[in-house]
Amino acid sequence: MTNLLKETEAYIKRIDKTPEDIKWIGSYSGKYACTWSQFKELADFEYDCGYGSQKVALDLVIVFTDGSWLDRHEYDGSEWWSFNEVPAMCNPSKVIDRLTKHECMWASLETLHEEE
């Protein structure tokens, strides 16, 4: 069993953030939101984060003042936080001339544009 609040606090600390760095907490769409204080009350419960069924809302996000965010991920009922940073664009960047390639599965833009 895992306590969602303790899991969240530990994860925030692990990524060198503090509750003071939080801009807002809510749904990915932004339609629902709460403060850190409200979240602490709501998240102070035990749940089984292992395989089985999802317990915590999958669209839950914690957005930080620097634009980075945490979101929930799930695989076969196993749940966890994932940290996302705003991507930076290189200067200069290379032009995208394709988004797919014949018979190329699970490719990234970089592998699609490698010199042949």
PDB file of N, CA and C in Angstrom:
ATOM      1  N   MET A   1       0.849  -1.189   0.000  1.00  0.00           N
ATOM      2  CA  MET A   1       0.000   0.000   0.000  1.00  0.00           C
ATOM      3  C   MET A   1       0.889   1.245   0.000  1.00  0.00           C
ATOM      4  N   THR A   2       0.408   2.270  -0.659  1.00  0.00           N
ATOM      5  CA  THR A   2       1.138   3.528  -0.792  1.00  0.00           C
ATOM      6  C   THR A   2       0.228   4.673  -0.386  1.00  0.00           C
ATOM      7  N   ASN A   3       0.793   5.636   0.310  1.00  0.00           N
ATOM      8  CA  ASN A   3       0.060   6.851   0.653  1.00  0.00           C
ATOM      9  C   ASN A   3       0.317   7.858  -0.469  1.00  0.00           C
ATOM     10  N   LEU A   4      -0.745   8.322  -1.130  1.00  0.00           N
ATOM     11  CA  LEU A   4      -0.589   9.220  -2.272  1.00  0.00           C
ATOM     12  C   LEU A   4       0.119  10.514  -1.880  1.00  0.00           C
ATOM     13  N   LEU A   5      -0.203  11.075  -0.732  1.00  0.00           N
ATOM     14  CA  LEU A   5       0.439  12.314  -0.305  1.00  0.00           C
ATOM     15  C   LEU A   5       1.938  12.104  -0.100  1.00  0.00           C
ATOM     16  N   LYS A   6       2.308  11.055   0.622  1.00  0.00           N
ATOM     17  CA  LYS A   6       3.729  10.788   0.874  1.00  0.00           C
ATOM     18  C   LYS A   6       4.469  10.478  -0.419  1.00  0.00           C
ATOM     19  N   GLU A   7       3.830   9.726  -1.315  1.00  0.00           N
ATOM     20  CA  GLU A   7       4.418   9.428  -2.626  1.00  0.00           C
ATOM     21  C   GLU A   7       4.675  10.730  -3.394  1.00  0.00           C
ATOM     22  N   THR A   8       3.690  11.624  -3.381  1.00  0.00           N
ATOM     23  CA  THR A   8       3.793  12.893  -4.096  1.00  0.00           C
ATOM     24  C   THR A   8       4.876  13.778  -3.485  1.00  0.00           C
ATOM     25  N   GLU A   9       4.885  13.902  -2.176  1.00  0.00           N
ATOM     26  CA  GLU A   9       5.903  14.723  -1.515  1.00  0.00           C
ATOM     27  C   GLU A   9       7.312  14.196  -1.808  1.00  0.00           C
ATOM     28  N   ALA A  10       7.491  12.895  -1.777  1.00  0.00           N
ATOM     29  CA  ALA A  10       8.803  12.294  -2.053  1.00  0.00           C
ATOM     30  C   ALA A  10       9.213  12.536  -3.500  1.00  0.00           C
ATOM     31  N   TYR A  11       8.264  12.432  -4.415  1.00  0.00           N
ATOM     32  CA  TYR A  11       8.580  12.635  -5.826  1.00  0.00           C
ATOM     33  C   TYR A  11       8.950  14.092  -6.087  1.00  0.00           C
ATOM     34  N   ILE A  12       8.202  15.015  -5.494  1.00  0.00           N
ATOM     35  CA  ILE A  12       8.502  16.442  -5.650  1.00  0.00           C
ATOM     36  C   ILE A  12       9.900  16.744  -5.123  1.00  0.00           C
ATOM     37  N   LYS A  13      10.255  16.169  -3.995  1.00  0.00           N
ATOM     38  CA  LYS A  13      11.592  16.365  -3.431  1.00  0.00           C
ATOM     39  C   LYS A  13      12.663  15.767  -4.338  1.00  0.00           C
ATOM     40  N   ARG A  14      12.376  14.581  -4.902  1.00  0.00           N
ATOM     41  CA  ARG A  14      13.331  13.891  -5.770  1.00  0.00           C
ATOM     42  C   ARG A  14      13.678  14.699  -7.017  1.00  0.00           C
ATOM     43  N   ILE A  15      12.727  15.501  -7.515  1.00  0.00           N
ATOM     44  CA  ILE A  15      12.985  16.318  -8.699  1.00  0.00           C
ATOM     45  C   ILE A  15      13.416  17.733  -8.325  1.00  0.00           C
ATOM     46  N   ASP A  16      13.848  17.900  -7.068  1.00  0.00           N
ATOM     47  CA  ASP A  16      14.356  19.187  -6.570  1.00  0.00           C
ATOM     48  C   ASP A  16      13.343  20.324  -6.663  1.00  0.00           C
ATOM     49  N   LYS A  17      12.101  20.012  -6.359  1.00  0.00           N
ATOM     50  CA  LYS A  17      11.035  21.015  -6.290  1.00  0.00           C
ATOM     51  C   LYS A  17      10.504  21.035  -4.862  1.00  0.00           C
ATOM     52  N   THR A  18       9.748  22.071  -4.547  1.00  0.00           N
ATOM     53  CA  THR A  18       9.074  22.191  -3.257  1.00  0.00           C
ATOM     54  C   THR A  18       7.611  22.548  -3.511  1.00  0.00           C
ATOM     55  N   PRO A  19       6.757  22.415  -2.517  1.00  0.00           N
ATOM     56  CA  PRO A  19       5.367  22.843  -2.699  1.00  0.00           C
ATOM     57  C   PRO A  19       5.255  24.325  -3.102  1.00  0.00           C
ATOM     58  N   GLU A  20       6.224  25.133  -2.723  1.00  0.00           N
ATOM     59  CA  GLU A  20       6.200  26.545  -3.107  1.00  0.00           C
ATOM     60  C   GLU A  20       6.396  26.729  -4.616  1.00  0.00           C
ATOM     61  N   ASP A  21       6.950  25.720  -5.288  1.00  0.00           N
ATOM     62  CA  ASP A  21       7.158  25.766  -6.740  1.00  0.00           C
ATOM     63  C   ASP A  21       5.891  25.413  -7.519  1.00  0.00           C
ATOM     64  N   ILE A  22       4.845  24.969  -6.823  1.00  0.00           N
ATOM     65  CA  ILE A  22       3.615  24.534  -7.498  1.00  0.00           C
ATOM     66  C   ILE A  22       2.777  25.739  -7.904  1.00  0.00           C
ATOM     67  N   LYS A  23       2.403  25.765  -9.187  1.00  0.00           N
ATOM     68  CA  LYS A  23       1.529  26.825  -9.700  1.00  0.00           C
ATOM     69  C   LYS A  23       0.071  26.440  -9.507  1.00  0.00           C
ATOM     70  N   TRP A  24      -0.264  25.190  -9.874  1.00  0.00           N
ATOM     71  CA  TRP A  24      -1.630  24.696  -9.659  1.00  0.00           C
ATOM     72  C   TRP A  24      -1.659  23.175  -9.759  1.00  0.00           C
ATOM     73  N   ILE A  25      -2.715  22.604  -9.210  1.00  0.00           N
ATOM     74  CA  ILE A  25      -2.948  21.162  -9.218  1.00  0.00           C
ATOM     75  C   ILE A  25      -4.363  20.948  -9.727  1.00  0.00           C
ATOM     76  N   GLY A  26      -4.543  19.999 -10.623  1.00  0.00           N
ATOM     77  CA  GLY A  26      -5.892  19.755 -11.110  1.00  0.00           C
ATOM     78  C   GLY A  26      -5.927  18.764 -12.244  1.00  0.00           C
ATOM     79  N   SER A  27      -6.931  18.919 -13.086  1.00  0.00           N
ATOM     80  CA  SER A  27      -7.089  18.043 -14.242  1.00  0.00           C
ATOM     81  C   SER A  27      -6.246  18.578 -15.387  1.00  0.00           C
ATOM     82  N   TYR A  28      -5.828  17.682 -16.278  1.00  0.00           N
ATOM     83  CA  TYR A  28      -4.992  18.072 -17.409  1.00  0.00           C
ATOM     84  C   TYR A  28      -5.662  19.164 -18.238  1.00  0.00           C
ATOM     85  N   SER A  29      -6.969  19.129 -18.337  1.00  0.00           N
ATOM     86  CA  SER A  29      -7.707  20.131 -19.115  1.00  0.00           C
ATOM     87  C   SER A  29      -7.743  21.490 -18.412  1.00  0.00           C
ATOM     88  N   GLY A  30      -7.444  21.502 -17.110  1.00  0.00           N
ATOM     89  CA  GLY A  30      -7.510  22.740 -16.345  1.00  0.00           C
ATOM     90  C   GLY A  30      -8.908  23.060 -15.844  1.00  0.00           C
ATOM     91  N   LYS A  31      -9.864  22.213 -16.150  1.00  0.00           N
ATOM     92  CA  LYS A  31     -11.257  22.459 -15.750  1.00  0.00           C
ATOM     93  C   LYS A  31     -11.456  22.308 -14.248  1.00  0.00           C
ATOM     94  N   TYR A  32     -10.663  21.439 -13.613  1.00  0.00           N
ATOM     95  CA  TYR A  32     -10.748  21.212 -12.170  1.00  0.00           C
ATOM     96  C   TYR A  32      -9.404  21.554 -11.551  1.00  0.00           C
ATOM     97  N   ALA A  33      -9.421  22.197 -10.384  1.00  0.00           N
ATOM     98  CA  ALA A  33      -8.169  22.595  -9.748  1.00  0.00           C
ATOM     99  C   ALA A  33      -8.346  22.688  -8.237  1.00  0.00           C
ATOM    100  N   CYS A  34      -7.204  22.598  -7.544  1.00  0.00           N
ATOM    101  CA  CYS A  34      -7.187  22.791  -6.095  1.00  0.00           C
ATOM    102  C   CYS A  34      -5.825  23.353  -5.693  1.00  0.00           C
ATOM    103  N   THR A  35      -5.742  23.815  -4.475  1.00  0.00           N
ATOM    104  CA  THR A  35      -4.483  24.320  -3.937  1.00  0.00           C
ATOM    105  C   THR A  35      -3.675  23.158  -3.367  1.00  0.00           C
ATOM    106  N   TRP A  36      -2.398  23.414  -3.061  1.00  0.00           N
ATOM    107  CA  TRP A  36      -1.564  22.400  -2.418  1.00  0.00           C
ATOM    108  C   TRP A  36      -2.172  21.998  -1.081  1.00  0.00           C
ATOM    109  N   SER A  37      -2.684  22.960  -0.338  1.00  0.00           N
ATOM    110  CA  SER A  37      -3.302  22.688   0.961  1.00  0.00           C
ATOM    111  C   SER A  37      -4.502  21.755   0.799  1.00  0.00           C
ATOM    112  N   GLN A  38      -5.340  22.014  -0.173  1.00  0.00           N
ATOM    113  CA  GLN A  38      -6.496  21.155  -0.430  1.00  0.00           C
ATOM    114  C   GLN A  38      -6.041  19.774  -0.903  1.00  0.00           C
ATOM    115  N   PHE A  39      -5.024  19.745  -1.764  1.00  0.00           N
ATOM    116  CA  PHE A  39      -4.503  18.479  -2.267  1.00  0.00           C
ATOM    117  C   PHE A  39      -3.988  17.614  -1.119  1.00  0.00           C
ATOM    118  N   LYS A  40      -3.279  18.231  -0.167  1.00  0.00           N
ATOM    119  CA  LYS A  40      -2.746  17.469   0.965  1.00  0.00           C
ATOM    120  C   LYS A  40      -3.848  16.751   1.722  1.00  0.00           C
ATOM    121  N   GLU A  41      -4.983  17.400   1.900  1.00  0.00           N
ATOM    122  CA  GLU A  41      -6.106  16.766   2.588  1.00  0.00           C
ATOM    123  C   GLU A  41      -6.698  15.630   1.749  1.00  0.00           C
ATOM    124  N   LEU A  42      -6.857  15.886   0.450  1.00  0.00           N
ATOM    125  CA  LEU A  42      -7.470  14.898  -0.438  1.00  0.00           C
ATOM    126  C   LEU A  42      -6.559  13.692  -0.684  1.00  0.00           C
ATOM    127  N   ALA A  43      -5.245  13.925  -0.712  1.00  0.00           N
ATOM    128  CA  ALA A  43      -4.291  12.881  -1.099  1.00  0.00           C
ATOM    129  C   ALA A  43      -3.779  12.045   0.062  1.00  0.00           C
ATOM    130  N   ASP A  44      -4.187  12.351   1.269  1.00  0.00           N
ATOM    131  CA  ASP A  44      -3.690  11.619   2.433  1.00  0.00           C
ATOM    132  C   ASP A  44      -4.489  10.331   2.628  1.00  0.00           C
ATOM    133  N   PHE A  45      -4.259   9.387   1.710  1.00  0.00           N
ATOM    134  CA  PHE A  45      -4.934   8.084   1.802  1.00  0.00           C
ATOM    135  C   PHE A  45      -4.017   7.007   1.232  1.00  0.00           C
ATOM    136  N   GLU A  46      -4.275   5.785   1.646  1.00  0.00           N
ATOM    137  CA  GLU A  46      -3.512   4.627   1.182  1.00  0.00           C
ATOM    138  C   GLU A  46      -4.202   4.032  -0.044  1.00  0.00           C
ATOM    139  N   TYR A  47      -3.412   3.630  -1.009  1.00  0.00           N
ATOM    140  CA  TYR A  47      -3.967   2.934  -2.170  1.00  0.00           C
ATOM    141  C   TYR A  47      -2.949   1.913  -2.666  1.00  0.00           C
ATOM    142  N   ASP A  48      -3.425   0.962  -3.433  1.00  0.00           N
ATOM    143  CA  ASP A  48      -2.568  -0.070  -3.996  1.00  0.00           C
ATOM    144  C   ASP A  48      -2.110   0.414  -5.369  1.00  0.00           C
ATOM    145  N   CYS A  49      -0.833   0.819  -5.461  1.00  0.00           N
ATOM    146  CA  CYS A  49      -0.310   1.345  -6.725  1.00  0.00           C
ATOM    147  C   CYS A  49       0.214   0.232  -7.621  1.00  0.00           C
ATOM    148  N   GLY A  50       0.066  -1.012  -7.180  1.00  0.00           N
ATOM    149  CA  GLY A  50       0.532  -2.154  -7.965  1.00  0.00           C
ATOM    150  C   GLY A  50      -0.481  -2.542  -9.025  1.00  0.00           C
ATOM    151  N   TYR A  51      -0.225  -3.653  -9.648  1.00  0.00           N
ATOM    152  CA  TYR A  51      -1.099  -4.123 -10.724  1.00  0.00           C
ATOM    153  C   TYR A  51      -2.497  -4.423 -10.205  1.00  0.00           C
ATOM    154  N   GLY A  52      -3.458  -4.239 -11.071  1.00  0.00           N
ATOM    155  CA  GLY A  52      -4.853  -4.439 -10.721  1.00  0.00           C
ATOM    156  C   GLY A  52      -5.695  -3.431 -11.456  1.00  0.00           C
ATOM    157  N   SER A  53      -6.243  -2.476 -10.737  1.00  0.00           N
ATOM    158  CA  SER A  53      -7.034  -1.431 -11.387  1.00  0.00           C
ATOM    159  C   SER A  53      -6.560  -0.063 -10.905  1.00  0.00           C
ATOM    160  N   GLN A  54      -6.720   0.925 -11.763  1.00  0.00           N
ATOM    161  CA  GLN A  54      -6.322   2.295 -11.460  1.00  0.00           C
ATOM    162  C   GLN A  54      -7.181   2.853 -10.337  1.00  0.00           C
ATOM    163  N   LYS A  55      -6.544   3.549  -9.391  1.00  0.00           N
ATOM    164  CA  LYS A  55      -7.273   4.129  -8.262  1.00  0.00           C
ATOM    165  C   LYS A  55      -7.299   5.659  -8.314  1.00  0.00           C
ATOM    166  N   VAL A  56      -6.184   6.289  -8.717  1.00  0.00           N
ATOM    167  CA  VAL A  56      -6.054   7.752  -8.724  1.00  0.00           C
ATOM    168  C   VAL A  56      -6.419   8.283 -10.111  1.00  0.00           C
ATOM    169  N   ALA A  57      -7.118   9.405 -10.146  1.00  0.00           N
ATOM    170  CA  ALA A  57      -7.539  10.002 -11.420  1.00  0.00           C
ATOM    171  C   ALA A  57      -6.360  10.122 -12.380  1.00  0.00           C
ATOM    172  N   LEU A  58      -6.526   9.586 -13.572  1.00  0.00           N
ATOM    173  CA  LEU A  58      -5.443   9.533 -14.551  1.00  0.00           C
ATOM    174  C   LEU A  58      -5.112  10.905 -15.137  1.00  0.00           C
ATOM    175  N   ASP A  59      -6.044  11.875 -15.084  1.00  0.00           N
ATOM    176  CA  ASP A  59      -5.775  13.192 -15.651  1.00  0.00           C
ATOM    177  C   ASP A  59      -5.248  14.187 -14.616  1.00  0.00           C
ATOM    178  N   LEU A  60      -4.864  13.693 -13.442  1.00  0.00           N
ATOM    179  CA  LEU A  60      -4.330  14.547 -12.376  1.00  0.00           C
ATOM    180  C   LEU A  60      -2.944  15.069 -12.753  1.00  0.00           C
ATOM    181  N   VAL A  61      -2.757  16.373 -12.651  1.00  0.00           N
ATOM    182  CA  VAL A  61      -1.456  16.992 -12.924  1.00  0.00           C
ATOM    183  C   VAL A  61      -1.087  17.954 -11.808  1.00  0.00           C
ATOM    184  N   ILE A  62       0.220  18.126 -11.626  1.00  0.00           N
ATOM    185  CA  ILE A  62       0.753  19.162 -10.750  1.00  0.00           C
ATOM    186  C   ILE A  62       1.652  20.010 -11.637  1.00  0.00           C
ATOM    187  N   VAL A  63       1.297  21.275 -11.821  1.00  0.00           N
ATOM    188  CA  VAL A  63       2.024  22.178 -12.709  1.00  0.00           C
ATOM    189  C   VAL A  63       2.880  23.109 -11.862  1.00  0.00           C
ATOM    190  N   PHE A  64       4.154  23.230 -12.252  1.00  0.00           N
ATOM    191  CA  PHE A  64       5.100  24.074 -11.525  1.00  0.00           C
ATOM    192  C   PHE A  64       5.264  25.427 -12.207  1.00  0.00           C
ATOM    193  N   THR A  65       5.771  26.388 -11.466  1.00  0.00           N
ATOM    194  CA  THR A  65       5.904  27.750 -11.966  1.00  0.00           C
ATOM    195  C   THR A  65       6.861  27.861 -13.149  1.00  0.00           C
ATOM    196  N   ASP A  66       7.778  26.900 -13.312  1.00  0.00           N
ATOM    197  CA  ASP A  66       8.712  26.945 -14.450  1.00  0.00           C
ATOM    198  C   ASP A  66       8.144  26.287 -15.706  1.00  0.00           C
ATOM    199  N   GLY A  67       6.883  25.852 -15.657  1.00  0.00           N
ATOM    200  CA  GLY A  67       6.239  25.235 -16.814  1.00  0.00           C
ATOM    201  C   GLY A  67       6.354  23.721 -16.845  1.00  0.00           C
ATOM    202  N   SER A  68       7.172  23.130 -15.993  1.00  0.00           N
ATOM    203  CA  SER A  68       7.256  21.671 -15.918  1.00  0.00           C
ATOM    204  C   SER A  68       6.035  21.148 -15.179  1.00  0.00           C
ATOM    205  N   TRP A  69       5.796  19.831 -15.263  1.00  0.00           N
ATOM    206  CA  TRP A  69       4.620  19.283 -14.603  1.00  0.00           C
ATOM    207  C   TRP A  69       4.791  17.801 -14.314  1.00  0.00           C
ATOM    208  N   LEU A  70       3.988  17.344 -13.365  1.00  0.00           N
ATOM    209  CA  LEU A  70       3.859  15.926 -13.069  1.00  0.00           C
ATOM    210  C   LEU A  70       2.516  15.473 -13.617  1.00  0.00           C
ATOM    211  N   ASP A  71       2.478  14.276 -14.162  1.00  0.00           N
ATOM    212  CA  ASP A  71       1.202  13.687 -14.524  1.00  0.00           C
ATOM    213  C   ASP A  71       1.215  12.220 -14.146  1.00  0.00           C
ATOM    214  N   ARG A  72       0.038  11.644 -14.113  1.00  0.00           N
ATOM    215  CA  ARG A  72      -0.119  10.258 -13.695  1.00  0.00           C
ATOM    216  C   ARG A  72      -0.015   9.343 -14.903  1.00  0.00           C
ATOM    217  N   HIS A  73       0.615   8.212 -14.694  1.00  0.00           N
ATOM    218  CA  HIS A  73       0.689   7.180 -15.718  1.00  0.00           C
ATOM    219  C   HIS A  73       0.213   5.871 -15.111  1.00  0.00           C
ATOM    220  N   GLU A  74      -0.237   4.991 -15.984  1.00  0.00           N
ATOM    221  CA  GLU A  74      -0.808   3.727 -15.536  1.00  0.00           C
ATOM    222  C   GLU A  74      -0.502   2.668 -16.578  1.00  0.00           C
ATOM    223  N   TYR A  75      -0.156   1.485 -16.103  1.00  0.00           N
ATOM    224  CA  TYR A  75      -0.005   0.331 -16.982  1.00  0.00           C
ATOM    225  C   TYR A  75      -0.587  -0.872 -16.257  1.00  0.00           C
ATOM    226  N   ASP A  76      -1.650  -1.408 -16.797  1.00  0.00           N
ATOM    227  CA  ASP A  76      -2.285  -2.600 -16.237  1.00  0.00           C
ATOM    228  C   ASP A  76      -2.614  -2.430 -14.757  1.00  0.00           C
ATOM    229  N   GLY A  77      -2.992  -1.200 -14.389  1.00  0.00           N
ATOM    230  CA  GLY A  77      -3.367  -0.911 -13.010  1.00  0.00           C
ATOM    231  C   GLY A  77      -2.246  -0.395 -12.145  1.00  0.00           C
ATOM    232  N   SER A  78      -0.990  -0.570 -12.554  1.00  0.00           N
ATOM    233  CA  SER A  78       0.151  -0.029 -11.816  1.00  0.00           C
ATOM    234  C   SER A  78       0.218   1.473 -12.102  1.00  0.00           C
ATOM    235  N   GLU A  79       0.376   2.290 -11.050  1.00  0.00           N
ATOM    236  CA  GLU A  79       0.308   3.745 -11.198  1.00  0.00           C
ATOM    237  C   GLU A  79       1.554   4.431 -10.668  1.00  0.00           C
ATOM    238  N   TRP A  80       1.891   5.596 -11.259  1.00  0.00           N
ATOM    239  CA  TRP A  80       3.048   6.378 -10.813  1.00  0.00           C
ATOM    240  C   TRP A  80       2.979   7.794 -11.363  1.00  0.00           C
ATOM    241  N   TRP A  81       3.797   8.674 -10.769  1.00  0.00           N
ATOM    242  CA  TRP A  81       3.987  10.032 -11.255  1.00  0.00           C
ATOM    243  C   TRP A  81       5.064  10.024 -12.334  1.00  0.00           C
ATOM    244  N   SER A  82       4.946  10.925 -13.290  1.00  0.00           N
ATOM    245  CA  SER A  82       5.972  11.116 -14.310  1.00  0.00           C
ATOM    246  C   SER A  82       6.260  12.610 -14.421  1.00  0.00           C
ATOM    247  N   PHE A  83       7.547  12.973 -14.479  1.00  0.00           N
ATOM    248  CA  PHE A  83       7.966  14.372 -14.551  1.00  0.00           C
ATOM    249  C   PHE A  83       8.188  14.766 -16.003  1.00  0.00           C
ATOM    250  N   ASN A  84       7.653  15.926 -16.382  1.00  0.00           N
ATOM    251  CA  ASN A  84       7.757  16.432 -17.751  1.00  0.00           C
ATOM    252  C   ASN A  84       8.314  17.846 -17.733  1.00  0.00           C
ATOM    253  N   GLU A  85       9.301  18.089 -18.557  1.00  0.00           N
ATOM    254  CA  GLU A  85       9.844  19.429 -18.702  1.00  0.00           C
ATOM    255  C   GLU A  85       9.441  19.982 -20.058  1.00  0.00           C
ATOM    256  N   VAL A  86       9.332  21.300 -20.133  1.00  0.00           N
ATOM    257  CA  VAL A  86       9.010  21.938 -21.399  1.00  0.00           C
ATOM    258  C   VAL A  86      10.199  21.720 -22.333  1.00  0.00           C
ATOM    259  N   PRO A  87       9.970  21.154 -23.532  1.00  0.00           N
ATOM    260  CA  PRO A  87      11.083  20.920 -24.447  1.00  0.00           C
ATOM    261  C   PRO A  87      11.682  22.239 -24.935  1.00  0.00           C
ATOM    262  N   ALA A  88      12.972  22.232 -25.148  1.00  0.00           N
ATOM    263  CA  ALA A  88      13.660  23.404 -25.678  1.00  0.00           C
ATOM    264  C   ALA A  88      13.977  23.160 -27.144  1.00  0.00           C
ATOM    265  N   MET A  89      13.797  24.170 -27.960  1.00  0.00           N
ATOM    266  CA  MET A  89      14.095  24.057 -29.380  1.00  0.00           C
ATOM    267  C   MET A  89      15.528  24.503 -29.630  1.00  0.00           C
ATOM    268  N   CYS A  90      16.253  23.733 -30.410  1.00  0.00           N
ATOM    269  CA  CYS A  90      17.623  24.099 -30.767  1.00  0.00           C
ATOM    270  C   CYS A  90      17.603  25.298 -31.702  1.00  0.00           C
ATOM    271  N   ASN A  91      18.675  26.062 -31.655  1.00  0.00           N
ATOM    272  CA  ASN A  91      18.790  27.204 -32.552  1.00  0.00           C
ATOM    273  C   ASN A  91      20.106  27.102 -33.284  1.00  0.00           C
ATOM    274  N   PRO A  92      20.145  26.805 -34.556  1.00  0.00           N
ATOM    275  CA  PRO A  92      18.976  26.614 -35.412  1.00  0.00           C
ATOM    276  C   PRO A  92      18.457  25.190 -35.319  1.00  0.00           C
ATOM    277  N   SER A  93      17.173  25.039 -35.593  1.00  0.00           N
ATOM    278  CA  SER A  93      16.593  23.702 -35.632  1.00  0.00           C
ATOM    279  C   SER A  93      16.562  23.223 -37.078  1.00  0.00           C
ATOM    280  N   LYS A  94      16.432  21.924 -37.248  1.00  0.00           N
ATOM    281  CA  LYS A  94      16.366  21.348 -38.586  1.00  0.00           C
ATOM    282  C   LYS A  94      14.909  21.295 -39.035  1.00  0.00           C
ATOM    283  N   VAL A  95      14.697  21.373 -40.328  1.00  0.00           N
ATOM    284  CA  VAL A  95      13.357  21.364 -40.903  1.00  0.00           C
ATOM    285  C   VAL A  95      12.795  19.940 -40.878  1.00  0.00           C
ATOM    286  N   ILE A  96      11.527  19.821 -40.513  1.00  0.00           N
ATOM    287  CA  ILE A  96      10.824  18.539 -40.561  1.00  0.00           C
ATOM    288  C   ILE A  96      10.255  18.389 -41.964  1.00  0.00           C
ATOM    289  N   ASP A  97      10.609  17.306 -42.650  1.00  0.00           N
ATOM    290  CA  ASP A  97      10.054  17.095 -43.984  1.00  0.00           C
ATOM    291  C   ASP A  97       9.245  15.807 -44.084  1.00  0.00           C
ATOM    292  N   ARG A  98       9.104  15.080 -42.965  1.00  0.00           N
ATOM    293  CA  ARG A  98       8.250  13.894 -42.943  1.00  0.00           C
ATOM    294  C   ARG A  98       7.869  13.581 -41.502  1.00  0.00           C
ATOM    295  N   LEU A  99       6.721  12.961 -41.357  1.00  0.00           N
ATOM    296  CA  LEU A  99       6.239  12.539 -40.042  1.00  0.00           C
ATOM    297  C   LEU A  99       6.128  11.024 -39.949  1.00  0.00           C
ATOM    298  N   THR A 100       6.343  10.348 -41.064  1.00  0.00           N
ATOM    299  CA  THR A 100       6.319   8.896 -41.120  1.00  0.00           C
ATOM    300  C   THR A 100       7.218   8.444 -42.256  1.00  0.00           C
ATOM    301  N   LYS A 101       7.499   7.178 -42.294  1.00  0.00           N
ATOM    302  CA  LYS A 101       8.338   6.614 -43.350  1.00  0.00           C
ATOM    303  C   LYS A 101       7.838   5.200 -43.613  1.00  0.00           C
ATOM    304  N   HIS A 102       7.756   4.829 -44.865  1.00  0.00           N
ATOM    305  CA  HIS A 102       7.248   3.513 -45.241  1.00  0.00           C
ATOM    306  C   HIS A 102       7.978   2.420 -44.469  1.00  0.00           C
ATOM    307  N   GLU A 103       7.213   1.518 -43.848  1.00  0.00           N
ATOM    308  CA  GLU A 103       7.740   0.376 -43.109  1.00  0.00           C
ATOM    309  C   GLU A 103       8.650   0.764 -41.946  1.00  0.00           C
ATOM    310  N   CYS A 104       8.405   1.903 -41.362  1.00  0.00           N
ATOM    311  CA  CYS A 104       9.203   2.340 -40.208  1.00  0.00           C
ATOM    312  C   CYS A 104       8.263   2.476 -39.019  1.00  0.00           C
ATOM    313  N   MET A 105       8.412   1.561 -38.058  1.00  0.00           N
ATOM    314  CA  MET A 105       7.519   1.566 -36.904  1.00  0.00           C
ATOM    315  C   MET A 105       8.225   2.158 -35.684  1.00  0.00           C
ATOM    316  N   TRP A 106       7.495   2.830 -34.823  1.00  0.00           N
ATOM    317  CA  TRP A 106       7.991   3.394 -33.570  1.00  0.00           C
ATOM    318  C   TRP A 106       9.189   4.317 -33.788  1.00  0.00           C
ATOM    319  N   ALA A 107       9.139   5.091 -34.841  1.00  0.00           N
ATOM    320  CA  ALA A 107      10.260   5.970 -35.176  1.00  0.00           C
ATOM    321  C   ALA A 107      10.101   7.335 -34.513  1.00  0.00           C
ATOM    322  N   SER A 108      11.227   7.960 -34.248  1.00  0.00           N
ATOM    323  CA  SER A 108      11.245   9.340 -33.771  1.00  0.00           C
ATOM    324  C   SER A 108      11.516  10.248 -34.961  1.00  0.00           C
ATOM    325  N   LEU A 109      11.307  11.545 -34.791  1.00  0.00           N
ATOM    326  CA  LEU A 109      11.632  12.480 -35.863  1.00  0.00           C
ATOM    327  C   LEU A 109      13.110  12.384 -36.221  1.00  0.00           C
ATOM    328  N   GLU A 110      13.957  12.186 -35.211  1.00  0.00           N
ATOM    329  CA  GLU A 110      15.388  12.093 -35.492  1.00  0.00           C
ATOM    330  C   GLU A 110      15.716  10.881 -36.353  1.00  0.00           C
ATOM    331  N   THR A 111      15.131   9.715 -36.049  1.00  0.00           N
ATOM    332  CA  THR A 111      15.438   8.537 -36.864  1.00  0.00           C
ATOM    333  C   THR A 111      14.820   8.638 -38.248  1.00  0.00           C
ATOM    334  N   LEU A 112      13.692   9.317 -38.382  1.00  0.00           N
ATOM    335  CA  LEU A 112      13.067   9.505 -39.694  1.00  0.00           C
ATOM    336  C   LEU A 112      13.907  10.409 -40.599  1.00  0.00           C
ATOM    337  N   HIS A 113      14.721  11.258 -40.004  1.00  0.00           N
ATOM    338  CA  HIS A 113      15.487  12.240 -40.777  1.00  0.00           C
ATOM    339  C   HIS A 113      16.971  11.919 -40.849  1.00  0.00           C
ATOM    340  N   GLU A 114      17.396  10.761 -40.350  1.00  0.00           N
ATOM    341  CA  GLU A 114      18.801  10.384 -40.453  1.00  0.00           C
ATOM    342  C   GLU A 114      19.184  10.224 -41.913  1.00  0.00           C
ATOM    343  N   GLU A 115      20.407  10.596 -42.215  1.00  0.00           N
ATOM    344  CA  GLU A 115      20.917  10.449 -43.579  1.00  0.00           C
ATOM    345  C   GLU A 115      20.979   8.980 -43.955  1.00  0.00           C
ATOM    346  N   GLU A 116      20.543   8.654 -45.130  1.00  0.00           N
ATOM    347  CA  GLU A 116      20.560   7.265 -45.593  1.00  0.00           C
ATOM    348  C   GLU A 116      21.780   7.010 -46.435  1.00  0.00           C
TER     349      GLU A 116
END
